[in-house]
């Protein structure tokens, strides 16, 4: 059984909390790794990124990304399909960017979590 398919009871507590935040992000919106760590008031962007890399396959992983809005390397096309399906605001890729892939328009797509229930 791969780590991303472990039962919830087998997940480290921090990983479980990170994944819960990822599930709260509405379609068409995103949070950065740092945003998630700040929301949890624990860890940092690298810890959140590690959790997403190891366990994020069962949650909307494409909604948690780097602060510059660059699509997850190796998963660009899958992420782009999700962004387009959900209407996530995108910026056209520059000619200098590899493959001219768009990136997420962080100014418009970033979610601050204010509407989530149960978070103060």
PDB file of N, CA and C in Angstrom:
ATOM      1  N   UNK A   1       0.858  -1.177   0.000  1.00  0.00           N
ATOM      2  CA  UNK A   1       0.000   0.000   0.000  1.00  0.00           C
ATOM      3  C   UNK A   1       0.900   1.234   0.000  1.00  0.00           C
ATOM      4  N   UNK A   2       0.681   2.151  -0.925  1.00  0.00           N
ATOM      5  CA  UNK A   2       1.502   3.357  -0.970  1.00  0.00           C
ATOM      6  C   UNK A   2       1.108   4.291   0.161  1.00  0.00           C
ATOM      7  N   UNK A   3       2.024   5.202   0.502  1.00  0.00           N
ATOM      8  CA  UNK A   3       1.773   6.128   1.602  1.00  0.00           C
ATOM      9  C   UNK A   3       0.557   7.007   1.354  1.00  0.00           C
ATOM     10  N   UNK A   4       0.295   7.374   0.093  1.00  0.00           N
ATOM     11  CA  UNK A   4      -0.838   8.252  -0.178  1.00  0.00           C
ATOM     12  C   UNK A   4      -2.172   7.539  -0.002  1.00  0.00           C
ATOM     13  N   UNK A   5      -2.165   6.209   0.074  1.00  0.00           N
ATOM     14  CA  UNK A   5      -3.395   5.450   0.238  1.00  0.00           C
ATOM     15  C   UNK A   5      -3.552   4.875   1.646  1.00  0.00           C
ATOM     16  N   UNK A   6      -2.748   5.331   2.591  1.00  0.00           N
ATOM     17  CA  UNK A   6      -2.857   4.842   3.949  1.00  0.00           C
ATOM     18  C   UNK A   6      -4.186   5.265   4.563  1.00  0.00           C
ATOM     19  N   UNK A   7      -4.740   4.441   5.451  1.00  0.00           N
ATOM     20  CA  UNK A   7      -5.942   4.868   6.161  1.00  0.00           C
ATOM     21  C   UNK A   7      -5.639   6.119   6.983  1.00  0.00           C
ATOM     22  N   UNK A   8      -6.646   6.961   7.170  1.00  0.00           N
ATOM     23  CA  UNK A   8      -6.458   8.220   7.889  1.00  0.00           C
ATOM     24  C   UNK A   8      -5.825   8.015   9.260  1.00  0.00           C
ATOM     25  N   UNK A   9      -6.168   6.918   9.935  1.00  0.00           N
ATOM     26  CA  UNK A   9      -5.622   6.660  11.264  1.00  0.00           C
ATOM     27  C   UNK A   9      -4.109   6.465  11.225  1.00  0.00           C
ATOM     28  N   UNK A  10      -3.551   6.102  10.073  1.00  0.00           N
ATOM     29  CA  UNK A  10      -2.122   5.855   9.956  1.00  0.00           C
ATOM     30  C   UNK A  10      -1.337   7.127   9.611  1.00  0.00           C
ATOM     31  N   UNK A  11      -2.029   8.215   9.289  1.00  0.00           N
ATOM     32  CA  UNK A  11      -1.350   9.447   8.933  1.00  0.00           C
ATOM     33  C   UNK A  11      -0.808  10.145  10.171  1.00  0.00           C
ATOM     34  N   UNK A  12       0.361  10.753  10.055  1.00  0.00           N
ATOM     35  CA  UNK A  12       0.813  11.600  11.154  1.00  0.00           C
ATOM     36  C   UNK A  12      -0.206  12.726  11.374  1.00  0.00           C
ATOM     37  N   UNK A  13      -0.340  13.171  12.603  1.00  0.00           N
ATOM     38  CA  UNK A  13      -1.347  14.173  12.950  1.00  0.00           C
ATOM     39  C   UNK A  13      -1.187  15.448  12.124  1.00  0.00           C
ATOM     40  N   UNK A  14       0.049  15.909  11.944  1.00  0.00           N
ATOM     41  CA  UNK A  14       0.269  17.123  11.159  1.00  0.00           C
ATOM     42  C   UNK A  14      -0.184  16.927   9.714  1.00  0.00           C
ATOM     43  N   UNK A  15       0.129  15.779   9.143  1.00  0.00           N
ATOM     44  CA  UNK A  15      -0.271  15.493   7.760  1.00  0.00           C
ATOM     45  C   UNK A  15      -1.783  15.495   7.638  1.00  0.00           C
ATOM     46  N   UNK A  16      -2.449  14.916   8.588  1.00  0.00           N
ATOM     47  CA  UNK A  16      -3.910  14.890   8.574  1.00  0.00           C
ATOM     48  C   UNK A  16      -4.480  16.312   8.582  1.00  0.00           C
ATOM     49  N   UNK A  17      -3.892  17.169   9.386  1.00  0.00           N
ATOM     50  CA  UNK A  17      -4.357  18.559   9.469  1.00  0.00           C
ATOM     51  C   UNK A  17      -4.113  19.305   8.160  1.00  0.00           C
ATOM     52  N   UNK A  18      -2.960  19.086   7.536  1.00  0.00           N
ATOM     53  CA  UNK A  18      -2.663  19.725   6.247  1.00  0.00           C
ATOM     54  C   UNK A  18      -3.678  19.285   5.203  1.00  0.00           C
ATOM     55  N   UNK A  19      -3.961  18.002   5.144  1.00  0.00           N
ATOM     56  CA  UNK A  19      -4.902  17.483   4.154  1.00  0.00           C
ATOM     57  C   UNK A  19      -6.318  18.008   4.395  1.00  0.00           C
ATOM     58  N   UNK A  20      -6.687  18.192   5.650  1.00  0.00           N
ATOM     59  CA  UNK A  20      -8.003  18.760   5.963  1.00  0.00           C
ATOM     60  C   UNK A  20      -8.122  20.184   5.407  1.00  0.00           C
ATOM     61  N   UNK A  21      -7.051  20.972   5.527  1.00  0.00           N
ATOM     62  CA  UNK A  21      -7.072  22.334   4.985  1.00  0.00           C
ATOM     63  C   UNK A  21      -7.198  22.275   3.467  1.00  0.00           C
ATOM     64  N   UNK A  22      -6.449  21.401   2.820  1.00  0.00           N
ATOM     65  CA  UNK A  22      -6.526  21.280   1.357  1.00  0.00           C
ATOM     66  C   UNK A  22      -7.952  20.976   0.914  1.00  0.00           C
ATOM     67  N   UNK A  23      -8.662  20.169   1.683  1.00  0.00           N
ATOM     68  CA  UNK A  23     -10.041  19.819   1.331  1.00  0.00           C
ATOM     69  C   UNK A  23     -11.009  20.984   1.531  1.00  0.00           C
ATOM     70  N   UNK A  24     -10.649  21.948   2.363  1.00  0.00           N
ATOM     71  CA  UNK A  24     -11.508  23.114   2.604  1.00  0.00           C
ATOM     72  C   UNK A  24     -11.455  24.149   1.476  1.00  0.00           C
ATOM     73  N   UNK A  25     -10.385  24.142   0.709  1.00  0.00           N
ATOM     74  CA  UNK A  25     -10.201  25.155  -0.331  1.00  0.00           C
ATOM     75  C   UNK A  25     -11.268  24.966  -1.406  1.00  0.00           C
ATOM     76  N   UNK A  26     -12.046  26.016  -1.677  1.00  0.00           N
ATOM     77  CA  UNK A  26     -13.130  25.874  -2.664  1.00  0.00           C
ATOM     78  C   UNK A  26     -12.591  25.683  -4.086  1.00  0.00           C
ATOM     79  N   UNK A  27     -13.377  25.032  -4.936  1.00  0.00           N
ATOM     80  CA  UNK A  27     -12.986  24.912  -6.345  1.00  0.00           C
ATOM     81  C   UNK A  27     -12.738  26.300  -6.942  1.00  0.00           C
ATOM     82  N   UNK A  28     -11.690  26.394  -7.759  1.00  0.00           N
ATOM     83  CA  UNK A  28     -11.351  27.659  -8.389  1.00  0.00           C
ATOM     84  C   UNK A  28     -10.494  28.567  -7.549  1.00  0.00           C
ATOM     85  N   UNK A  29     -10.166  28.141  -6.338  1.00  0.00           N
ATOM     86  CA  UNK A  29      -9.337  28.938  -5.435  1.00  0.00           C
ATOM     87  C   UNK A  29      -8.111  28.117  -5.041  1.00  0.00           C
ATOM     88  N   UNK A  30      -7.082  28.777  -4.524  1.00  0.00           N
ATOM     89  CA  UNK A  30      -5.849  28.105  -4.127  1.00  0.00           C
ATOM     90  C   UNK A  30      -5.291  28.715  -2.847  1.00  0.00           C
ATOM     91  N   UNK A  31      -4.415  27.980  -2.212  1.00  0.00           N
ATOM     92  CA  UNK A  31      -3.609  28.475  -1.093  1.00  0.00           C
ATOM     93  C   UNK A  31      -2.167  28.065  -1.385  1.00  0.00           C
ATOM     94  N   UNK A  32      -1.233  28.830  -0.854  1.00  0.00           N
ATOM     95  CA  UNK A  32       0.169  28.467  -0.983  1.00  0.00           C
ATOM     96  C   UNK A  32       0.536  27.507   0.153  1.00  0.00           C
ATOM     97  N   UNK A  33       1.687  26.862   0.006  1.00  0.00           N
ATOM     98  CA  UNK A  33       2.183  26.005   1.071  1.00  0.00           C
ATOM     99  C   UNK A  33       2.322  26.819   2.356  1.00  0.00           C
ATOM    100  N   UNK A  34       2.826  28.031   2.227  1.00  0.00           N
ATOM    101  CA  UNK A  34       2.975  28.906   3.391  1.00  0.00           C
ATOM    102  C   UNK A  34       1.642  29.316   3.986  1.00  0.00           C
ATOM    103  N   UNK A  35       0.635  29.550   3.136  1.00  0.00           N
ATOM    104  CA  UNK A  35      -0.704  29.880   3.632  1.00  0.00           C
ATOM    105  C   UNK A  35      -1.249  28.761   4.512  1.00  0.00           C
ATOM    106  N   UNK A  36      -1.057  27.522   4.074  1.00  0.00           N
ATOM    107  CA  UNK A  36      -1.560  26.379   4.839  1.00  0.00           C
ATOM    108  C   UNK A  36      -0.850  26.301   6.187  1.00  0.00           C
ATOM    109  N   UNK A  37       0.470  26.476   6.191  1.00  0.00           N
ATOM    110  CA  UNK A  37       1.225  26.449   7.447  1.00  0.00           C
ATOM    111  C   UNK A  37       0.758  27.571   8.373  1.00  0.00           C
ATOM    112  N   UNK A  38       0.524  28.747   7.807  1.00  0.00           N
ATOM    113  CA  UNK A  38       0.052  29.877   8.611  1.00  0.00           C
ATOM    114  C   UNK A  38      -1.341  29.581   9.179  1.00  0.00           C
ATOM    115  N   UNK A  39      -2.218  29.006   8.367  1.00  0.00           N
ATOM    116  CA  UNK A  39      -3.562  28.633   8.794  1.00  0.00           C
ATOM    117  C   UNK A  39      -3.491  27.696  10.005  1.00  0.00           C
ATOM    118  N   UNK A  40      -2.569  26.720   9.918  1.00  0.00           N
ATOM    119  CA  UNK A  40      -2.417  25.727  10.977  1.00  0.00           C
ATOM    120  C   UNK A  40      -1.648  26.262  12.176  1.00  0.00           C
ATOM    121  N   UNK A  41      -0.964  27.392  11.979  1.00  0.00           N
ATOM    122  CA  UNK A  41      -0.098  27.972  13.009  1.00  0.00           C
ATOM    123  C   UNK A  41       0.961  26.969  13.453  1.00  0.00           C
ATOM    124  N   UNK A  42       1.460  26.217  12.469  1.00  0.00           N
ATOM    125  CA  UNK A  42       2.465  25.202  12.749  1.00  0.00           C
ATOM    126  C   UNK A  42       3.194  24.851  11.457  1.00  0.00           C
ATOM    127  N   UNK A  43       4.478  24.573  11.577  1.00  0.00           N
ATOM    128  CA  UNK A  43       5.264  24.174  10.420  1.00  0.00           C
ATOM    129  C   UNK A  43       5.531  25.342   9.495  1.00  0.00           C
ATOM    130  N   UNK A  44       5.950  25.022   8.296  1.00  0.00           N
ATOM    131  CA  UNK A  44       6.250  26.035   7.296  1.00  0.00           C
ATOM    132  C   UNK A  44       5.973  25.477   5.914  1.00  0.00           C
ATOM    133  N   UNK A  45       6.284  26.261   4.880  1.00  0.00           N
ATOM    134  CA  UNK A  45       6.004  25.822   3.509  1.00  0.00           C
ATOM    135  C   UNK A  45       6.637  24.479   3.151  1.00  0.00           C
ATOM    136  N   UNK A  46       7.844  24.245   3.603  1.00  0.00           N
ATOM    137  CA  UNK A  46       8.513  22.983   3.253  1.00  0.00           C
ATOM    138  C   UNK A  46       7.827  21.780   3.889  1.00  0.00           C
ATOM    139  N   UNK A  47       7.386  21.945   5.122  1.00  0.00           N
ATOM    140  CA  UNK A  47       6.691  20.842   5.787  1.00  0.00           C
ATOM    141  C   UNK A  47       5.362  20.547   5.087  1.00  0.00           C
ATOM    142  N   UNK A  48       4.639  21.597   4.713  1.00  0.00           N
ATOM    143  CA  UNK A  48       3.375  21.411   4.003  1.00  0.00           C
ATOM    144  C   UNK A  48       3.640  20.756   2.649  1.00  0.00           C
ATOM    145  N   UNK A  49       4.663  21.218   1.935  1.00  0.00           N
ATOM    146  CA  UNK A  49       5.009  20.620   0.650  1.00  0.00           C
ATOM    147  C   UNK A  49       5.351  19.151   0.777  1.00  0.00           C
ATOM    148  N   UNK A  50       6.055  18.801   1.826  1.00  0.00           N
ATOM    149  CA  UNK A  50       6.416  17.396   2.056  1.00  0.00           C
ATOM    150  C   UNK A  50       5.166  16.551   2.297  1.00  0.00           C
ATOM    151  N   UNK A  51       4.253  17.059   3.105  1.00  0.00           N
ATOM    152  CA  UNK A  51       3.007  16.342   3.358  1.00  0.00           C
ATOM    153  C   UNK A  51       2.242  16.148   2.050  1.00  0.00           C
ATOM    154  N   UNK A  52       2.137  17.212   1.262  1.00  0.00           N
ATOM    155  CA  UNK A  52       1.397  17.112   0.005  1.00  0.00           C
ATOM    156  C   UNK A  52       2.061  16.115  -0.940  1.00  0.00           C
ATOM    157  N   UNK A  53       3.393  16.087  -0.966  1.00  0.00           N
ATOM    158  CA  UNK A  53       4.102  15.155  -1.837  1.00  0.00           C
ATOM    159  C   UNK A  53       3.877  13.702  -1.413  1.00  0.00           C
ATOM    160  N   UNK A  54       3.849  13.471  -0.110  1.00  0.00           N
ATOM    161  CA  UNK A  54       3.707  12.098   0.385  1.00  0.00           C
ATOM    162  C   UNK A  54       2.272  11.605   0.449  1.00  0.00           C
ATOM    163  N   UNK A  55       1.349  12.497   0.822  1.00  0.00           N
ATOM    164  CA  UNK A  55      -0.011  12.054   1.140  1.00  0.00           C
ATOM    165  C   UNK A  55      -1.109  12.775   0.357  1.00  0.00           C
ATOM    166  N   UNK A  56      -0.770  13.743  -0.470  1.00  0.00           N
ATOM    167  CA  UNK A  56      -1.766  14.618  -1.079  1.00  0.00           C
ATOM    168  C   UNK A  56      -2.582  14.062  -2.211  1.00  0.00           C
ATOM    169  N   UNK A  57      -2.300  12.861  -2.672  1.00  0.00           N
ATOM    170  CA  UNK A  57      -3.013  12.309  -3.811  1.00  0.00           C
ATOM    171  C   UNK A  57      -4.508  12.129  -3.631  1.00  0.00           C
ATOM    172  N   UNK A  58      -4.969  12.017  -2.389  1.00  0.00           N
ATOM    173  CA  UNK A  58      -6.387  11.769  -2.126  1.00  0.00           C
ATOM    174  C   UNK A  58      -7.194  13.046  -1.910  1.00  0.00           C
ATOM    175  N   UNK A  59      -6.533  14.200  -1.953  1.00  0.00           N
ATOM    176  CA  UNK A  59      -7.212  15.490  -1.755  1.00  0.00           C
ATOM    177  C   UNK A  59      -6.978  16.348  -2.994  1.00  0.00           C
ATOM    178  N   UNK A  60      -7.655  17.494  -3.119  1.00  0.00           N
ATOM    179  CA  UNK A  60      -7.427  18.365  -4.278  1.00  0.00           C
ATOM    180  C   UNK A  60      -6.043  19.041  -4.198  1.00  0.00           C
ATOM    181  N   UNK A  61      -5.008  18.282  -4.474  1.00  0.00           N
ATOM    182  CA  UNK A  61      -3.613  18.707  -4.350  1.00  0.00           C
ATOM    183  C   UNK A  61      -3.290  19.928  -5.199  1.00  0.00           C
ATOM    184  N   UNK A  62      -3.972  20.094  -6.328  1.00  0.00           N
ATOM    185  CA  UNK A  62      -3.698  21.207  -7.232  1.00  0.00           C
ATOM    186  C   UNK A  62      -4.088  22.546  -6.621  1.00  0.00           C
ATOM    187  N   UNK A  63      -4.836  22.544  -5.545  1.00  0.00           N
ATOM    188  CA  UNK A  63      -5.251  23.792  -4.891  1.00  0.00           C
ATOM    189  C   UNK A  63      -4.231  24.296  -3.883  1.00  0.00           C
ATOM    190  N   UNK A  64      -3.135  23.561  -3.688  1.00  0.00           N
ATOM    191  CA  UNK A  64      -2.041  23.985  -2.807  1.00  0.00           C
ATOM    192  C   UNK A  64      -0.788  24.040  -3.669  1.00  0.00           C
ATOM    193  N   UNK A  65      -0.185  25.236  -3.758  1.00  0.00           N
ATOM    194  CA  UNK A  65       0.945  25.397  -4.667  1.00  0.00           C
ATOM    195  C   UNK A  65       1.917  26.450  -4.175  1.00  0.00           C
ATOM    196  N   UNK A  66       2.961  26.646  -4.942  1.00  0.00           N
ATOM    197  CA  UNK A  66       3.975  27.658  -4.622  1.00  0.00           C
ATOM    198  C   UNK A  66       3.383  29.055  -4.738  1.00  0.00           C
ATOM    199  N   UNK A  67       3.983  29.992  -4.032  1.00  0.00           N
ATOM    200  CA  UNK A  67       3.478  31.370  -4.001  1.00  0.00           C
ATOM    201  C   UNK A  67       3.576  32.072  -5.347  1.00  0.00           C
ATOM    202  N   UNK A  68       4.430  31.590  -6.249  1.00  0.00           N
ATOM    203  CA  UNK A  68       4.549  32.244  -7.560  1.00  0.00           C
ATOM    204  C   UNK A  68       3.517  31.743  -8.566  1.00  0.00           C
ATOM    205  N   UNK A  69       2.699  30.765  -8.172  1.00  0.00           N
ATOM    206  CA  UNK A  69       1.633  30.274  -9.044  1.00  0.00           C
ATOM    207  C   UNK A  69       2.076  29.297 -10.114  1.00  0.00           C
ATOM    208  N   UNK A  70       3.339  28.895 -10.098  1.00  0.00           N
ATOM    209  CA  UNK A  70       3.854  27.949 -11.085  1.00  0.00           C
ATOM    210  C   UNK A  70       3.222  26.580 -10.847  1.00  0.00           C
ATOM    211  N   UNK A  71       2.837  25.915 -11.925  1.00  0.00           N
ATOM    212  CA  UNK A  71       2.215  24.601 -11.823  1.00  0.00           C
ATOM    213  C   UNK A  71       3.220  23.570 -11.311  1.00  0.00           C
ATOM    214  N   UNK A  72       2.734  22.598 -10.565  1.00  0.00           N
ATOM    215  CA  UNK A  72       3.575  21.581  -9.947  1.00  0.00           C
ATOM    216  C   UNK A  72       4.367  20.816 -11.006  1.00  0.00           C
ATOM    217  N   UNK A  73       5.705  20.899 -10.956  1.00  0.00           N
ATOM    218  CA  UNK A  73       6.531  20.202 -11.942  1.00  0.00           C
ATOM    219  C   UNK A  73       6.223  18.705 -11.986  1.00  0.00           C
ATOM    220  N   UNK A  74       6.050  18.204 -13.196  1.00  0.00           N
ATOM    221  CA  UNK A  74       5.728  16.799 -13.400  1.00  0.00           C
ATOM    222  C   UNK A  74       4.232  16.524 -13.403  1.00  0.00           C
ATOM    223  N   UNK A  75       3.451  17.502 -12.941  1.00  0.00           N
ATOM    224  CA  UNK A  75       1.998  17.337 -12.868  1.00  0.00           C
ATOM    225  C   UNK A  75       1.285  18.522 -13.516  1.00  0.00           C
ATOM    226  N   UNK A  76       2.014  19.251 -14.357  1.00  0.00           N
ATOM    227  CA  UNK A  76       1.474  20.480 -14.942  1.00  0.00           C
ATOM    228  C   UNK A  76       0.173  20.257 -15.705  1.00  0.00           C
ATOM    229  N   UNK A  77       0.140  19.259 -16.560  1.00  0.00           N
ATOM    230  CA  UNK A  77      -1.043  19.054 -17.396  1.00  0.00           C
ATOM    231  C   UNK A  77      -2.253  18.610 -16.579  1.00  0.00           C
ATOM    232  N   UNK A  78      -2.029  17.751 -15.594  1.00  0.00           N
ATOM    233  CA  UNK A  78      -3.136  17.327 -14.733  1.00  0.00           C
ATOM    234  C   UNK A  78      -3.663  18.515 -13.933  1.00  0.00           C
ATOM    235  N   UNK A  79      -2.751  19.317 -13.380  1.00  0.00           N
ATOM    236  CA  UNK A  79      -3.166  20.497 -12.613  1.00  0.00           C
ATOM    237  C   UNK A  79      -3.909  21.479 -13.510  1.00  0.00           C
ATOM    238  N   UNK A  80      -3.386  21.716 -14.691  1.00  0.00           N
ATOM    239  CA  UNK A  80      -4.009  22.653 -15.626  1.00  0.00           C
ATOM    240  C   UNK A  80      -5.430  22.215 -15.978  1.00  0.00           C
ATOM    241  N   UNK A  81      -5.642  20.929 -16.164  1.00  0.00           N
ATOM    242  CA  UNK A  81      -6.987  20.424 -16.453  1.00  0.00           C
ATOM    243  C   UNK A  81      -7.930  20.721 -15.293  1.00  0.00           C
ATOM    244  N   UNK A  82      -7.448  20.514 -14.061  1.00  0.00           N
ATOM    245  CA  UNK A  82      -8.280  20.815 -12.888  1.00  0.00           C
ATOM    246  C   UNK A  82      -8.583  22.314 -12.810  1.00  0.00           C
ATOM    247  N   UNK A  83      -7.560  23.144 -13.040  1.00  0.00           N
ATOM    248  CA  UNK A  83      -7.770  24.599 -12.966  1.00  0.00           C
ATOM    249  C   UNK A  83      -8.796  25.046 -13.998  1.00  0.00           C
ATOM    250  N   UNK A  84      -8.699  24.509 -15.182  1.00  0.00           N
ATOM    251  CA  UNK A  84      -9.644  24.898 -16.235  1.00  0.00           C
ATOM    252  C   UNK A  84     -11.051  24.398 -15.913  1.00  0.00           C
ATOM    253  N   UNK A  85     -11.174  23.182 -15.408  1.00  0.00           N
ATOM    254  CA  UNK A  85     -12.485  22.649 -15.023  1.00  0.00           C
ATOM    255  C   UNK A  85     -13.135  23.479 -13.919  1.00  0.00           C
ATOM    256  N   UNK A  86     -12.320  23.979 -12.995  1.00  0.00           N
ATOM    257  CA  UNK A  86     -12.844  24.712 -11.841  1.00  0.00           C
ATOM    258  C   UNK A  86     -12.930  26.220 -12.071  1.00  0.00           C
ATOM    259  N   UNK A  87     -12.404  26.693 -13.197  1.00  0.00           N
ATOM    260  CA  UNK A  87     -12.432  28.128 -13.461  1.00  0.00           C
ATOM    261  C   UNK A  87     -11.434  28.921 -12.638  1.00  0.00           C
ATOM    262  N   UNK A  88     -10.343  28.301 -12.255  1.00  0.00           N
ATOM    263  CA  UNK A  88      -9.295  28.984 -11.502  1.00  0.00           C
ATOM    264  C   UNK A  88      -8.663  30.061 -12.379  1.00  0.00           C
ATOM    265  N   UNK A  89      -8.538  31.298 -11.884  1.00  0.00           N
ATOM    266  CA  UNK A  89      -7.906  32.350 -12.685  1.00  0.00           C
ATOM    267  C   UNK A  89      -6.452  31.996 -13.028  1.00  0.00           C
ATOM    268  N   UNK A  90      -6.118  32.114 -14.290  1.00  0.00           N
ATOM    269  CA  UNK A  90      -4.775  31.802 -14.774  1.00  0.00           C
ATOM    270  C   UNK A  90      -4.174  33.006 -15.473  1.00  0.00           C
ATOM    271  N   UNK A  91      -2.842  33.042 -15.518  1.00  0.00           N
ATOM    272  CA  UNK A  91      -2.096  34.026 -16.295  1.00  0.00           C
ATOM    273  C   UNK A  91      -1.426  33.279 -17.430  1.00  0.00           C
ATOM    274  N   UNK A  92      -1.435  33.868 -18.603  1.00  0.00           N
ATOM    275  CA  UNK A  92      -0.766  33.233 -19.749  1.00  0.00           C
ATOM    276  C   UNK A  92       0.726  33.098 -19.468  1.00  0.00           C
ATOM    277  N   UNK A  93       1.289  31.986 -19.920  1.00  0.00           N
ATOM    278  CA  UNK A  93       2.716  31.764 -19.759  1.00  0.00           C
ATOM    279  C   UNK A  93       3.511  32.656 -20.686  1.00  0.00           C
ATOM    280  N   UNK A  94       4.642  33.099 -20.196  1.00  0.00           N
ATOM    281  CA  UNK A  94       5.507  33.932 -21.034  1.00  0.00           C
ATOM    282  C   UNK A  94       6.258  33.054 -22.017  1.00  0.00           C
ATOM    283  N   UNK A  95       6.795  33.661 -23.038  1.00  0.00           N
ATOM    284  CA  UNK A  95       7.573  32.898 -24.018  1.00  0.00           C
ATOM    285  C   UNK A  95       8.823  32.298 -23.406  1.00  0.00           C
ATOM    286  N   UNK A  96       9.273  32.895 -22.310  1.00  0.00           N
ATOM    287  CA  UNK A  96      10.460  32.389 -21.626  1.00  0.00           C
ATOM    288  C   UNK A  96      10.156  31.164 -20.781  1.00  0.00           C
ATOM    289  N   UNK A  97       8.891  30.971 -20.406  1.00  0.00           N
ATOM    290  CA  UNK A  97       8.548  29.830 -19.567  1.00  0.00           C
ATOM    291  C   UNK A  97       8.525  28.556 -20.410  1.00  0.00           C
ATOM    292  N   UNK A  98       8.999  27.487 -19.787  1.00  0.00           N
ATOM    293  CA  UNK A  98       9.083  26.215 -20.499  1.00  0.00           C
ATOM    294  C   UNK A  98       7.699  25.753 -20.933  1.00  0.00           C
ATOM    295  N   UNK A  99       7.541  25.486 -22.225  1.00  0.00           N
ATOM    296  CA  UNK A  99       6.279  25.020 -22.753  1.00  0.00           C
ATOM    297  C   UNK A  99       5.198  26.081 -22.804  1.00  0.00           C
ATOM    298  N   UNK A 100       5.529  27.300 -22.411  1.00  0.00           N
ATOM    299  CA  UNK A 100       4.576  28.417 -22.401  1.00  0.00           C
ATOM    300  C   UNK A 100       3.333  28.100 -21.577  1.00  0.00           C
ATOM    301  N   UNK A 101       3.497  27.320 -20.522  1.00  0.00           N
ATOM    302  CA  UNK A 101       2.363  26.967 -19.678  1.00  0.00           C
ATOM    303  C   UNK A 101       1.912  28.177 -18.867  1.00  0.00           C
ATOM    304  N   UNK A 102       0.600  28.289 -18.660  1.00  0.00           N
ATOM    305  CA  UNK A 102       0.129  29.375 -17.801  1.00  0.00           C
ATOM    306  C   UNK A 102       0.512  29.097 -16.357  1.00  0.00           C
ATOM    307  N   UNK A 103       0.297  30.072 -15.517  1.00  0.00           N
ATOM    308  CA  UNK A 103       0.460  29.891 -14.083  1.00  0.00           C
ATOM    309  C   UNK A 103      -0.802  30.419 -13.428  1.00  0.00           C
ATOM    310  N   UNK A 104      -1.020  30.063 -12.182  1.00  0.00           N
ATOM    311  CA  UNK A 104      -2.198  30.527 -11.468  1.00  0.00           C
ATOM    312  C   UNK A 104      -2.040  32.019 -11.173  1.00  0.00           C
ATOM    313  N   UNK A 105      -3.099  32.775 -11.397  1.00  0.00           N
ATOM    314  CA  UNK A 105      -3.123  34.201 -11.068  1.00  0.00           C
ATOM    315  C   UNK A 105      -3.371  34.298  -9.567  1.00  0.00           C
ATOM    316  N   UNK A 106      -2.302  34.369  -8.804  1.00  0.00           N
ATOM    317  CA  UNK A 106      -2.398  34.312  -7.349  1.00  0.00           C
ATOM    318  C   UNK A 106      -3.194  35.481  -6.770  1.00  0.00           C
ATOM    319  N   UNK A 107      -3.109  36.623  -7.380  1.00  0.00           N
ATOM    320  CA  UNK A 107      -3.846  37.786  -6.868  1.00  0.00           C
ATOM    321  C   UNK A 107      -5.347  37.522  -6.880  1.00  0.00           C
ATOM    322  N   UNK A 108      -5.820  36.847  -7.896  1.00  0.00           N
ATOM    323  CA  UNK A 108      -7.263  36.599  -8.034  1.00  0.00           C
ATOM    324  C   UNK A 108      -7.701  35.248  -7.470  1.00  0.00           C
ATOM    325  N   UNK A 109      -6.817  34.256  -7.469  1.00  0.00           N
ATOM    326  CA  UNK A 109      -7.216  32.900  -7.082  1.00  0.00           C
ATOM    327  C   UNK A 109      -6.958  32.574  -5.613  1.00  0.00           C
ATOM    328  N   UNK A 110      -6.101  33.341  -4.964  1.00  0.00           N
ATOM    329  CA  UNK A 110      -5.705  33.003  -3.601  1.00  0.00           C
ATOM    330  C   UNK A 110      -6.882  33.108  -2.643  1.00  0.00           C
ATOM    331  N   UNK A 111      -7.021  32.082  -1.818  1.00  0.00           N
ATOM    332  CA  UNK A 111      -8.114  32.014  -0.854  1.00  0.00           C
ATOM    333  C   UNK A 111      -7.555  32.207   0.540  1.00  0.00           C
ATOM    334  N   UNK A 112      -8.182  33.099   1.301  1.00  0.00           N
ATOM    335  CA  UNK A 112      -7.694  33.372   2.660  1.00  0.00           C
ATOM    336  C   UNK A 112      -8.363  32.525   3.724  1.00  0.00           C
ATOM    337  N   UNK A 113      -9.341  31.735   3.336  1.00  0.00           N
ATOM    338  CA  UNK A 113      -9.966  30.828   4.288  1.00  0.00           C
ATOM    339  C   UNK A 113     -11.019  31.443   5.177  1.00  0.00           C
ATOM    340  N   UNK A 114     -11.358  32.680   4.947  1.00  0.00           N
ATOM    341  CA  UNK A 114     -12.292  33.361   5.842  1.00  0.00           C
ATOM    342  C   UNK A 114     -13.660  32.694   5.921  1.00  0.00           C
ATOM    343  N   UNK A 115     -14.122  32.109   4.846  1.00  0.00           N
ATOM    344  CA  UNK A 115     -15.473  31.540   4.820  1.00  0.00           C
ATOM    345  C   UNK A 115     -15.535  30.116   5.356  1.00  0.00           C
ATOM    346  N   UNK A 116     -14.393  29.547   5.714  1.00  0.00           N
ATOM    347  CA  UNK A 116     -14.405  28.166   6.200  1.00  0.00           C
ATOM    348  C   UNK A 116     -15.024  28.107   7.597  1.00  0.00           C
ATOM    349  N   UNK A 117     -15.867  27.129   7.803  1.00  0.00           N
ATOM    350  CA  UNK A 117     -16.494  26.951   9.105  1.00  0.00           C
ATOM    351  C   UNK A 117     -15.497  26.336  10.083  1.00  0.00           C
ATOM    352  N   UNK A 118     -15.626  26.738  11.316  1.00  0.00           N
ATOM    353  CA  UNK A 118     -14.835  26.113  12.366  1.00  0.00           C
ATOM    354  C   UNK A 118     -13.439  26.662  12.546  1.00  0.00           C
ATOM    355  N   UNK A 119     -13.008  27.614  11.727  1.00  0.00           N
ATOM    356  CA  UNK A 119     -11.685  28.198  11.903  1.00  0.00           C
ATOM    357  C   UNK A 119     -11.835  29.611  12.410  1.00  0.00           C
ATOM    358  N   UNK A 120     -11.073  29.942  13.420  1.00  0.00           N
ATOM    359  CA  UNK A 120     -11.147  31.285  13.994  1.00  0.00           C
ATOM    360  C   UNK A 120      -9.990  32.126  13.551  1.00  0.00           C
TER     361      UNK A 120
END
